[in-house]
Amino acid sequence: MDPEVLTVIASAKNYSDLEVNEHTQLIDDLGFTSLEIMNLILMLEQRFNITFEDDDLDLDRFVTVGAVCNTVNNYHLASA
């Protein structure tokens, strides 16, 4: 898991210490709302200088911490 992505996830929920694994669910385990997930997406776009395509904004791509890391890494590598 990418530590920079984890930092953004922690920041989105104002957590100072975030203990997660790739299967940790944003909604069920961390208490994210759908609005907070959309805010997280904006924060990730700003932090990594990427823009998610509309088709990739399906909340299914942002269910777990691992899924978020994979999605960000795929975009980040594609823009490099």
C-alpha atoms as a PDB file:
ATOM      1  CA  MET A   1       0.000   0.000   0.000  1.00  0.00           C
ATOM      2  CA  ASP A   2       1.202   3.456  -0.875  1.00  0.00           C
ATOM      3  CA  PRO A   3       1.987   5.481   2.276  1.00  0.00           C
ATOM      4  CA  GLU A   4       1.176   8.751   0.495  1.00  0.00           C
ATOM      5  CA  VAL A   5      -2.306   7.491  -0.384  1.00  0.00           C
ATOM      6  CA  LEU A   6      -2.775   6.380   3.224  1.00  0.00           C
ATOM      7  CA  THR A   7      -1.800   9.861   4.394  1.00  0.00           C
ATOM      8  CA  VAL A   8      -4.482  11.406   2.173  1.00  0.00           C
ATOM      9  CA  ILE A   9      -7.085   8.910   3.412  1.00  0.00           C
ATOM     10  CA  ALA A  10      -6.191   9.692   7.035  1.00  0.00           C
ATOM     11  CA  SER A  11      -6.316  13.418   6.327  1.00  0.00           C
ATOM     12  CA  ALA A  12      -9.759  13.119   4.725  1.00  0.00           C
ATOM     13  CA  LYS A  13     -11.140  11.749   8.008  1.00  0.00           C
ATOM     14  CA  ASN A  14      -8.903  13.831  10.308  1.00  0.00           C
ATOM     15  CA  TYR A  15      -7.256  10.702  11.682  1.00  0.00           C
ATOM     16  CA  SER A  16      -3.796  11.269  13.117  1.00  0.00           C
ATOM     17  CA  ASP A  17      -3.015   7.564  13.267  1.00  0.00           C
ATOM     18  CA  LEU A  18      -4.550   5.209  10.743  1.00  0.00           C
ATOM     19  CA  GLU A  19      -4.068   1.478  11.068  1.00  0.00           C
ATOM     20  CA  VAL A  20      -5.470  -0.237   7.994  1.00  0.00           C
ATOM     21  CA  ASN A  21      -4.802  -3.049   5.589  1.00  0.00           C
ATOM     22  CA  GLU A  22      -5.732  -3.445   1.933  1.00  0.00           C
ATOM     23  CA  HIS A  23      -9.110  -4.960   2.882  1.00  0.00           C
ATOM     24  CA  THR A  24     -10.148  -2.119   5.199  1.00  0.00           C
ATOM     25  CA  GLN A  25     -13.421  -0.706   3.898  1.00  0.00           C
ATOM     26  CA  LEU A  26     -13.818   3.047   3.713  1.00  0.00           C
ATOM     27  CA  ILE A  27     -17.512   3.090   4.616  1.00  0.00           C
ATOM     28  CA  ASP A  28     -17.943   0.094   6.925  1.00  0.00           C
ATOM     29  CA  ASP A  29     -14.594   0.223   8.763  1.00  0.00           C
ATOM     30  CA  LEU A  30     -13.510   3.873   8.599  1.00  0.00           C
ATOM     31  CA  GLY A  31     -16.945   5.514   8.615  1.00  0.00           C
ATOM     32  CA  PHE A  32     -16.679   7.427   5.344  1.00  0.00           C
ATOM     33  CA  THR A  33     -19.888   8.796   3.857  1.00  0.00           C
ATOM     34  CA  SER A  34     -20.363   8.986   0.094  1.00  0.00           C
ATOM     35  CA  LEU A  35     -19.758  12.742   0.302  1.00  0.00           C
ATOM     36  CA  GLU A  36     -16.506  12.163   2.184  1.00  0.00           C
ATOM     37  CA  ILE A  37     -15.422   9.681  -0.486  1.00  0.00           C
ATOM     38  CA  MET A  38     -16.029  12.313  -3.163  1.00  0.00           C
ATOM     39  CA  ASN A  39     -13.937  14.752  -1.101  1.00  0.00           C
ATOM     40  CA  LEU A  40     -11.241  12.076  -0.799  1.00  0.00           C
ATOM     41  CA  ILE A  41     -11.243  11.714  -4.585  1.00  0.00           C
ATOM     42  CA  LEU A  42     -10.691  15.466  -4.974  1.00  0.00           C
ATOM     43  CA  MET A  43      -7.895  15.370  -2.406  1.00  0.00           C
ATOM     44  CA  LEU A  44      -6.220  12.469  -4.246  1.00  0.00           C
ATOM     45  CA  GLU A  45      -6.481  14.321  -7.572  1.00  0.00           C
ATOM     46  CA  GLN A  46      -4.830  17.383  -6.059  1.00  0.00           C
ATOM     47  CA  ARG A  47      -2.113  15.481  -4.197  1.00  0.00           C
ATOM     48  CA  PHE A  48      -1.089  13.301  -7.144  1.00  0.00           C
ATOM     49  CA  ASN A  49      -1.871  15.791  -9.919  1.00  0.00           C
ATOM     50  CA  ILE A  50      -4.221  13.359 -11.632  1.00  0.00           C
ATOM     51  CA  THR A  51      -7.756  13.579 -12.961  1.00  0.00           C
ATOM     52  CA  PHE A  52     -10.031  10.588 -12.672  1.00  0.00           C
ATOM     53  CA  GLU A  53     -12.196   9.851 -15.691  1.00  0.00           C
ATOM     54  CA  ASP A  54     -15.947  10.016 -15.053  1.00  0.00           C
ATOM     55  CA  ASP A  55     -16.246   6.272 -15.710  1.00  0.00           C
ATOM     56  CA  ASP A  56     -13.760   5.607 -12.906  1.00  0.00           C
ATOM     57  CA  LEU A  57     -15.704   7.573 -10.296  1.00  0.00           C
ATOM     58  CA  ASP A  58     -17.889   4.568  -9.510  1.00  0.00           C
ATOM     59  CA  LEU A  59     -17.851   4.124  -5.735  1.00  0.00           C
ATOM     60  CA  ASP A  60     -17.032   0.434  -6.290  1.00  0.00           C
ATOM     61  CA  ARG A  61     -13.484   1.561  -7.156  1.00  0.00           C
ATOM     62  CA  PHE A  62     -13.238   3.208  -3.749  1.00  0.00           C
ATOM     63  CA  VAL A  63     -14.615   0.507  -1.445  1.00  0.00           C
ATOM     64  CA  THR A  64     -11.374  -0.611   0.214  1.00  0.00           C
ATOM     65  CA  VAL A  65      -8.070   1.027   1.000  1.00  0.00           C
ATOM     66  CA  GLY A  66      -6.389  -1.408  -1.394  1.00  0.00           C
ATOM     67  CA  ALA A  67      -8.762  -0.470  -4.213  1.00  0.00           C
ATOM     68  CA  VAL A  68      -8.059   3.222  -3.661  1.00  0.00           C
ATOM     69  CA  CYS A  69      -4.299   2.609  -3.701  1.00  0.00           C
ATOM     70  CA  ASN A  70      -4.550   0.557  -6.903  1.00  0.00           C
ATOM     71  CA  THR A  71      -6.709   3.137  -8.653  1.00  0.00           C
ATOM     72  CA  VAL A  72      -4.413   6.029  -7.711  1.00  0.00           C
ATOM     73  CA  ASN A  73      -1.287   4.084  -8.635  1.00  0.00           C
ATOM     74  CA  ASN A  74      -2.739   3.155 -12.045  1.00  0.00           C
ATOM     75  CA  TYR A  75      -3.474   6.816 -12.795  1.00  0.00           C
ATOM     76  CA  HIS A  76      -0.190   8.039 -11.338  1.00  0.00           C
ATOM     77  CA  LEU A  77       1.844   5.567 -13.418  1.00  0.00           C
ATOM     78  CA  ALA A  78      -0.128   6.407 -16.562  1.00  0.00           C
ATOM     79  CA  SER A  79       0.583  10.117 -16.153  1.00  0.00           C
ATOM     80  CA  ALA A  80       4.306   9.616 -15.511  1.00  0.00           C
END
